[in-house]
Amino acid sequence: MKKEKWNEELPVVQFRIARPTRKFAEVMRFYMEGIGLKKIGGFEAHNGYDGIMLGLPGHAYHLEFTTREDEGPCEAPTKDNLLVFYIPDGDRMEEIVSRLAEMGYDPLEPENSYWKEKGITIEDPEGWRVVLMNTGGIG
């Protein structure tokens, strides 16, 4: 049987990053009120899980956070595992940083100095690192 050449385009119509959390309410508040993502879906009591999908309406990518009663602690990965938001408008980015600081989430020193030069690193309620970048695009 002849192998087919890999198609250059990945036939994906949607992209989701999913992660469990033990601080469901705090994580929702951080990403919705702090960062500014919108609730685009969710579920309750689905096979023992509750969940929420957060993203930007009309875009085919989003974050999903899940929780369940019998789940153990959800430890954050290393300080180099990052969720990066590219925000071309510097004033809007500063608004987000200020809003997060008012909520008690202050910028911190990144593990990799590249992120210090180009952005601001903040930890979410469970210690997962988020970088806000003002490069106008992917950098």
N, C-alpha and C. Protein backbone atom coordinates (compact mmCIF):
# COMPACT_ATOMS: atom_id res chain seq x y z
N MET A 1 0.84 -1.18 0.00
CA MET A 1 0.00 0.00 0.00
C MET A 1 0.88 1.24 0.00
N LYS A 2 0.62 2.17 -0.89
CA LYS A 2 1.39 3.39 -1.03
C LYS A 2 0.94 4.42 0.00
N LYS A 3 1.90 5.01 0.70
CA LYS A 3 1.58 6.06 1.67
C LYS A 3 1.23 7.35 0.94
N GLU A 4 0.16 7.99 1.40
CA GLU A 4 -0.22 9.26 0.82
C GLU A 4 0.64 10.38 1.39
N LYS A 5 0.95 11.35 0.56
CA LYS A 5 1.72 12.50 1.01
C LYS A 5 0.87 13.29 2.00
N TRP A 6 1.50 13.75 3.08
CA TRP A 6 0.81 14.53 4.10
C TRP A 6 0.25 15.80 3.47
N ASN A 7 -1.01 16.05 3.74
CA ASN A 7 -1.67 17.25 3.27
C ASN A 7 -1.09 18.44 4.04
N GLU A 8 -0.70 19.50 3.36
CA GLU A 8 -0.10 20.66 3.99
C GLU A 8 -1.05 21.34 4.97
N GLU A 9 -2.34 21.26 4.73
CA GLU A 9 -3.31 21.85 5.63
C GLU A 9 -3.87 20.79 6.56
N LEU A 10 -3.81 21.09 7.84
CA LEU A 10 -4.39 20.20 8.84
C LEU A 10 -5.91 20.40 8.82
N PRO A 11 -6.69 19.36 8.63
CA PRO A 11 -8.14 19.52 8.49
C PRO A 11 -8.84 19.71 9.84
N VAL A 12 -8.54 20.82 10.50
CA VAL A 12 -9.10 21.12 11.81
C VAL A 12 -10.01 22.33 11.68
N VAL A 13 -11.19 22.26 12.30
CA VAL A 13 -12.12 23.38 12.24
C VAL A 13 -12.20 24.13 13.57
N GLN A 14 -11.64 23.54 14.64
CA GLN A 14 -11.68 24.17 15.95
C GLN A 14 -10.51 23.68 16.77
N PHE A 15 -10.04 24.52 17.70
CA PHE A 15 -8.91 24.17 18.55
C PHE A 15 -9.26 24.53 19.99
N ARG A 16 -9.13 23.57 20.90
CA ARG A 16 -9.47 23.78 22.31
C ARG A 16 -8.30 23.32 23.17
N ILE A 17 -7.97 24.13 24.16
CA ILE A 17 -7.01 23.74 25.19
C ILE A 17 -7.82 23.51 26.44
N ALA A 18 -7.77 22.30 26.99
CA ALA A 18 -8.58 21.94 28.15
C ALA A 18 -7.68 21.64 29.34
N ARG A 19 -8.14 22.08 30.52
CA ARG A 19 -7.36 21.80 31.71
C ARG A 19 -8.27 21.73 32.92
N PRO A 20 -7.98 20.81 33.83
CA PRO A 20 -8.76 20.73 35.06
C PRO A 20 -8.33 21.82 36.03
N THR A 21 -9.21 22.15 36.94
CA THR A 21 -8.88 23.13 37.98
C THR A 21 -9.62 22.78 39.27
N ARG A 22 -8.98 23.06 40.38
CA ARG A 22 -9.63 22.91 41.69
C ARG A 22 -10.13 24.26 42.17
N LYS A 23 -9.83 25.32 41.45
CA LYS A 23 -10.25 26.68 41.80
C LYS A 23 -11.11 27.24 40.68
N PHE A 24 -12.17 26.54 40.39
CA PHE A 24 -13.02 26.84 39.24
C PHE A 24 -13.50 28.29 39.22
N ALA A 25 -14.09 28.76 40.32
CA ALA A 25 -14.63 30.12 40.38
C ALA A 25 -13.52 31.16 40.22
N GLU A 26 -12.39 30.96 40.91
CA GLU A 26 -11.29 31.91 40.82
C GLU A 26 -10.70 31.95 39.42
N VAL A 27 -10.56 30.79 38.79
CA VAL A 27 -10.01 30.72 37.44
C VAL A 27 -10.96 31.40 36.46
N MET A 28 -12.28 31.16 36.59
CA MET A 28 -13.24 31.83 35.71
C MET A 28 -13.12 33.34 35.86
N ARG A 29 -13.04 33.83 37.09
CA ARG A 29 -12.95 35.27 37.33
C ARG A 29 -11.67 35.84 36.72
N PHE A 30 -10.54 35.15 36.90
CA PHE A 30 -9.25 35.61 36.36
C PHE A 30 -9.33 35.78 34.85
N TYR A 31 -9.80 34.74 34.16
CA TYR A 31 -9.80 34.77 32.70
C TYR A 31 -10.94 35.61 32.10
N MET A 32 -12.07 35.68 32.79
CA MET A 32 -13.19 36.46 32.27
C MET A 32 -13.08 37.94 32.68
N GLU A 33 -13.03 38.20 33.97
CA GLU A 33 -12.97 39.60 34.43
C GLU A 33 -11.59 40.21 34.26
N GLY A 34 -10.56 39.43 34.52
CA GLY A 34 -9.19 39.94 34.43
C GLY A 34 -8.68 40.06 33.00
N ILE A 35 -8.63 38.94 32.29
CA ILE A 35 -8.11 38.93 30.93
C ILE A 35 -9.13 39.49 29.94
N GLY A 36 -10.41 39.15 30.12
CA GLY A 36 -11.45 39.66 29.24
C GLY A 36 -12.02 38.64 28.27
N LEU A 37 -11.76 37.34 28.51
CA LEU A 37 -12.36 36.32 27.65
C LEU A 37 -13.85 36.21 27.96
N LYS A 38 -14.60 35.73 27.01
CA LYS A 38 -16.06 35.58 27.16
C LYS A 38 -16.42 34.11 27.30
N LYS A 39 -17.52 33.85 28.01
CA LYS A 39 -18.04 32.49 28.09
C LYS A 39 -18.71 32.17 26.76
N ILE A 40 -18.23 31.10 26.12
CA ILE A 40 -18.82 30.70 24.85
C ILE A 40 -19.50 29.34 24.93
N GLY A 41 -19.47 28.73 26.12
CA GLY A 41 -20.13 27.45 26.31
C GLY A 41 -19.85 26.93 27.71
N GLY A 42 -20.51 25.86 28.04
CA GLY A 42 -20.29 25.26 29.34
C GLY A 42 -21.21 24.07 29.57
N PHE A 43 -20.98 23.39 30.67
CA PHE A 43 -21.80 22.22 31.00
C PHE A 43 -21.72 21.96 32.49
N GLU A 44 -22.74 21.26 33.01
CA GLU A 44 -22.80 20.87 34.41
C GLU A 44 -23.17 19.41 34.52
N ALA A 45 -22.56 18.74 35.50
CA ALA A 45 -22.86 17.35 35.81
C ALA A 45 -22.81 16.44 34.58
N HIS A 46 -21.82 16.62 33.74
CA HIS A 46 -21.63 15.75 32.58
C HIS A 46 -20.59 14.69 32.96
N ASN A 47 -21.06 13.47 33.23
CA ASN A 47 -20.19 12.39 33.68
C ASN A 47 -19.35 12.79 34.89
N GLY A 48 -19.93 13.58 35.79
CA GLY A 48 -19.24 14.00 37.00
C GLY A 48 -18.43 15.29 36.85
N TYR A 49 -18.45 15.91 35.70
CA TYR A 49 -17.68 17.13 35.45
C TYR A 49 -18.59 18.33 35.26
N ASP A 50 -18.09 19.48 35.69
CA ASP A 50 -18.63 20.78 35.31
C ASP A 50 -17.54 21.44 34.49
N GLY A 51 -17.93 22.29 33.54
CA GLY A 51 -16.91 22.94 32.73
C GLY A 51 -17.40 24.22 32.11
N ILE A 52 -16.45 24.99 31.66
CA ILE A 52 -16.74 26.25 30.97
C ILE A 52 -15.74 26.42 29.84
N MET A 53 -16.23 26.95 28.72
CA MET A 53 -15.36 27.27 27.59
C MET A 53 -15.29 28.78 27.49
N LEU A 54 -14.08 29.29 27.44
CA LEU A 54 -13.84 30.73 27.37
C LEU A 54 -13.04 31.04 26.12
N GLY A 55 -13.38 32.13 25.47
CA GLY A 55 -12.65 32.51 24.28
C GLY A 55 -13.11 33.85 23.76
N LEU A 56 -12.92 34.02 22.48
CA LEU A 56 -13.35 35.23 21.78
C LEU A 56 -14.42 34.80 20.80
N PRO A 57 -15.63 35.31 20.96
CA PRO A 57 -16.73 34.89 20.07
C PRO A 57 -16.33 35.03 18.60
N GLY A 58 -16.72 34.02 17.83
CA GLY A 58 -16.43 34.03 16.40
C GLY A 58 -15.08 33.45 16.03
N HIS A 59 -14.28 33.06 17.00
CA HIS A 59 -12.98 32.47 16.72
C HIS A 59 -13.04 30.97 17.00
N ALA A 60 -12.26 30.21 16.28
CA ALA A 60 -12.32 28.75 16.36
C ALA A 60 -11.29 28.18 17.35
N TYR A 61 -10.96 28.93 18.37
CA TYR A 61 -10.06 28.43 19.41
C TYR A 61 -10.55 28.96 20.76
N HIS A 62 -10.38 28.16 21.78
CA HIS A 62 -10.80 28.58 23.11
C HIS A 62 -10.16 27.73 24.20
N LEU A 63 -10.35 28.16 25.43
CA LEU A 63 -9.89 27.43 26.60
C LEU A 63 -11.08 26.77 27.27
N GLU A 64 -10.83 25.59 27.80
CA GLU A 64 -11.86 24.90 28.57
C GLU A 64 -11.29 24.60 29.94
N PHE A 65 -12.05 24.91 30.98
CA PHE A 65 -11.66 24.57 32.35
C PHE A 65 -12.72 23.63 32.91
N THR A 66 -12.27 22.55 33.52
CA THR A 66 -13.19 21.57 34.08
C THR A 66 -12.90 21.36 35.56
N THR A 67 -13.92 20.90 36.26
CA THR A 67 -13.76 20.56 37.67
C THR A 67 -14.67 19.38 37.98
N ARG A 68 -14.28 18.61 38.97
CA ARG A 68 -15.14 17.54 39.47
C ARG A 68 -14.86 17.38 40.95
N GLU A 69 -15.87 16.90 41.65
CA GLU A 69 -15.80 16.83 43.10
C GLU A 69 -14.65 15.98 43.64
N ASP A 70 -14.42 14.83 43.05
CA ASP A 70 -13.45 13.89 43.61
C ASP A 70 -12.04 14.07 43.05
N GLU A 71 -11.78 15.18 42.39
CA GLU A 71 -10.48 15.40 41.77
C GLU A 71 -9.46 15.90 42.78
N GLY A 72 -8.24 15.40 42.69
CA GLY A 72 -7.17 15.84 43.56
C GLY A 72 -6.61 17.18 43.11
N PRO A 73 -5.52 17.62 43.74
CA PRO A 73 -4.94 18.92 43.38
C PRO A 73 -4.47 18.95 41.93
N CYS A 74 -4.55 20.13 41.35
CA CYS A 74 -4.11 20.33 39.97
C CYS A 74 -2.88 21.22 40.00
N GLU A 75 -1.74 20.60 40.05
CA GLU A 75 -0.51 21.36 40.16
C GLU A 75 -0.12 21.98 38.83
N ALA A 76 0.38 23.22 38.90
CA ALA A 76 0.83 23.92 37.70
C ALA A 76 2.12 23.27 37.19
N PRO A 77 2.35 23.36 35.90
CA PRO A 77 3.59 22.82 35.33
C PRO A 77 4.76 23.75 35.63
N THR A 78 5.87 23.57 34.94
CA THR A 78 7.04 24.42 35.16
C THR A 78 6.73 25.86 34.79
N LYS A 79 7.62 26.75 35.17
CA LYS A 79 7.44 28.18 34.91
C LYS A 79 7.62 28.53 33.43
N ASP A 80 8.07 27.59 32.63
CA ASP A 80 8.22 27.82 31.19
C ASP A 80 7.02 27.32 30.39
N ASN A 81 6.02 26.74 31.03
CA ASN A 81 4.77 26.37 30.34
C ASN A 81 3.88 27.60 30.40
N LEU A 82 3.64 28.20 29.24
CA LEU A 82 2.99 29.50 29.19
C LEU A 82 1.78 29.51 28.29
N LEU A 83 0.83 30.35 28.63
CA LEU A 83 -0.29 30.69 27.76
C LEU A 83 -0.04 32.14 27.37
N VAL A 84 0.19 32.39 26.08
CA VAL A 84 0.59 33.73 25.63
C VAL A 84 -0.54 34.39 24.85
N PHE A 85 -0.88 35.61 25.26
CA PHE A 85 -1.89 36.41 24.56
C PHE A 85 -1.16 37.56 23.87
N TYR A 86 -1.26 37.62 22.54
CA TYR A 86 -0.67 38.71 21.77
C TYR A 86 -1.71 39.82 21.65
N ILE A 87 -1.39 40.98 22.21
CA ILE A 87 -2.33 42.10 22.28
C ILE A 87 -1.68 43.29 21.58
N PRO A 88 -2.09 43.59 20.34
CA PRO A 88 -1.43 44.65 19.59
C PRO A 88 -1.61 46.06 20.16
N ASP A 89 -2.68 46.31 20.88
CA ASP A 89 -2.95 47.64 21.43
C ASP A 89 -2.33 47.74 22.83
N GLY A 90 -1.25 48.52 22.95
CA GLY A 90 -0.54 48.66 24.22
C GLY A 90 -1.39 49.22 25.33
N ASP A 91 -2.27 50.18 25.01
CA ASP A 91 -3.14 50.76 26.04
C ASP A 91 -4.11 49.72 26.59
N ARG A 92 -4.66 48.90 25.71
CA ARG A 92 -5.58 47.83 26.15
C ARG A 92 -4.85 46.81 27.01
N MET A 93 -3.60 46.50 26.62
CA MET A 93 -2.83 45.56 27.42
C MET A 93 -2.59 46.13 28.82
N GLU A 94 -2.24 47.40 28.91
CA GLU A 94 -2.02 48.02 30.22
C GLU A 94 -3.29 48.02 31.06
N GLU A 95 -4.45 48.18 30.41
CA GLU A 95 -5.73 48.10 31.13
C GLU A 95 -5.90 46.72 31.76
N ILE A 96 -5.56 45.68 30.99
CA ILE A 96 -5.67 44.30 31.50
C ILE A 96 -4.72 44.10 32.67
N VAL A 97 -3.48 44.57 32.53
CA VAL A 97 -2.48 44.42 33.60
C VAL A 97 -2.96 45.15 34.86
N SER A 98 -3.49 46.35 34.70
CA SER A 98 -4.00 47.12 35.85
C SER A 98 -5.18 46.42 36.51
N ARG A 99 -6.09 45.91 35.68
CA ARG A 99 -7.27 45.22 36.22
C ARG A 99 -6.84 43.97 37.00
N LEU A 100 -5.89 43.21 36.45
CA LEU A 100 -5.41 42.02 37.16
C LEU A 100 -4.71 42.40 38.46
N ALA A 101 -3.94 43.50 38.45
CA ALA A 101 -3.27 43.95 39.68
C ALA A 101 -4.30 44.33 40.74
N GLU A 102 -5.38 44.99 40.33
CA GLU A 102 -6.46 45.33 41.28
C GLU A 102 -7.09 44.07 41.86
N MET A 103 -7.08 42.99 41.10
CA MET A 103 -7.63 41.71 41.57
C MET A 103 -6.62 40.93 42.41
N GLY A 104 -5.39 41.44 42.53
CA GLY A 104 -4.36 40.79 43.33
C GLY A 104 -3.37 39.95 42.54
N TYR A 105 -3.34 40.10 41.22
CA TYR A 105 -2.43 39.33 40.36
C TYR A 105 -1.40 40.28 39.77
N ASP A 106 -0.24 40.35 40.41
CA ASP A 106 0.81 41.26 39.97
C ASP A 106 1.78 40.59 39.02
N PRO A 107 2.42 41.38 38.15
CA PRO A 107 3.45 40.84 37.27
C PRO A 107 4.58 40.21 38.08
N LEU A 108 5.23 39.22 37.50
CA LEU A 108 6.34 38.56 38.16
C LEU A 108 7.45 38.29 37.16
N GLU A 109 8.58 37.90 37.70
CA GLU A 109 9.76 37.64 36.87
C GLU A 109 9.56 36.35 36.08
N PRO A 110 9.69 36.41 34.75
CA PRO A 110 9.55 35.19 33.95
C PRO A 110 10.80 34.31 34.07
N GLU A 111 10.64 33.05 33.79
CA GLU A 111 11.76 32.12 33.80
C GLU A 111 12.72 32.45 32.65
N ASN A 112 12.17 32.74 31.47
CA ASN A 112 12.94 33.04 30.27
C ASN A 112 12.95 34.55 30.07
N SER A 113 14.13 35.17 29.97
CA SER A 113 14.23 36.62 29.88
C SER A 113 13.57 37.19 28.62
N TYR A 114 13.37 36.37 27.58
CA TYR A 114 12.68 36.84 26.37
C TYR A 114 11.32 37.42 26.72
N TRP A 115 10.60 36.78 27.61
CA TRP A 115 9.26 37.22 27.96
C TRP A 115 9.29 38.53 28.74
N LYS A 116 10.38 38.81 29.45
CA LYS A 116 10.51 40.07 30.17
C LYS A 116 10.72 41.22 29.18
N GLU A 117 11.49 40.96 28.14
CA GLU A 117 11.77 41.98 27.13
C GLU A 117 10.53 42.32 26.33
N LYS A 118 9.67 41.36 26.10
CA LYS A 118 8.55 41.52 25.18
C LYS A 118 7.17 41.57 25.82
N GLY A 119 7.07 41.19 27.09
CA GLY A 119 5.73 41.10 27.66
C GLY A 119 5.71 41.17 29.17
N ILE A 120 4.56 40.86 29.71
CA ILE A 120 4.34 40.86 31.16
C ILE A 120 3.80 39.48 31.55
N THR A 121 4.44 38.88 32.54
CA THR A 121 4.07 37.54 33.00
C THR A 121 3.28 37.65 34.31
N ILE A 122 2.19 36.91 34.37
CA ILE A 122 1.32 36.90 35.56
C ILE A 122 0.89 35.45 35.78
N GLU A 123 0.73 35.05 37.03
CA GLU A 123 0.23 33.71 37.33
C GLU A 123 -1.27 33.76 37.61
N ASP A 124 -1.97 32.75 37.08
CA ASP A 124 -3.41 32.65 37.37
C ASP A 124 -3.59 32.10 38.79
N PRO A 125 -4.82 31.90 39.26
CA PRO A 125 -5.04 31.47 40.64
C PRO A 125 -4.38 30.15 41.04
N GLU A 126 -4.03 29.32 40.07
CA GLU A 126 -3.39 28.04 40.41
C GLU A 126 -1.90 28.02 40.07
N GLY A 127 -1.35 29.16 39.69
CA GLY A 127 0.08 29.24 39.41
C GLY A 127 0.46 28.96 37.97
N TRP A 128 -0.52 28.81 37.07
CA TRP A 128 -0.23 28.65 35.65
C TRP A 128 0.13 30.02 35.11
N ARG A 129 1.19 30.10 34.35
CA ARG A 129 1.69 31.39 33.89
C ARG A 129 1.05 31.83 32.58
N VAL A 130 0.73 33.13 32.57
CA VAL A 130 0.14 33.78 31.41
C VAL A 130 1.07 34.94 31.04
N VAL A 131 1.36 35.09 29.75
CA VAL A 131 2.15 36.22 29.27
C VAL A 131 1.29 37.08 28.40
N LEU A 132 1.29 38.38 28.68
CA LEU A 132 0.60 39.36 27.85
C LEU A 132 1.67 40.05 27.01
N MET A 133 1.55 39.91 25.69
CA MET A 133 2.56 40.43 24.77
C MET A 133 2.00 41.59 23.95
N ASN A 134 2.79 42.67 23.84
CA ASN A 134 2.39 43.81 23.02
C ASN A 134 3.35 43.94 21.85
N THR A 135 3.32 42.94 20.97
CA THR A 135 4.22 42.95 19.81
C THR A 135 3.46 43.22 18.52
N GLY A 136 2.17 43.35 18.58
CA GLY A 136 1.39 43.58 17.37
C GLY A 136 1.14 42.32 16.57
N GLY A 137 1.68 41.23 16.97
CA GLY A 137 1.50 39.96 16.26
C GLY A 137 2.36 38.90 16.92
N ILE A 138 2.55 37.82 16.27
CA ILE A 138 3.35 36.73 16.84
C ILE A 138 4.81 37.13 16.79
N GLY A 139 5.48 36.98 17.93
CA GLY A 139 6.88 37.42 17.99
C GLY A 139 7.69 36.56 18.78
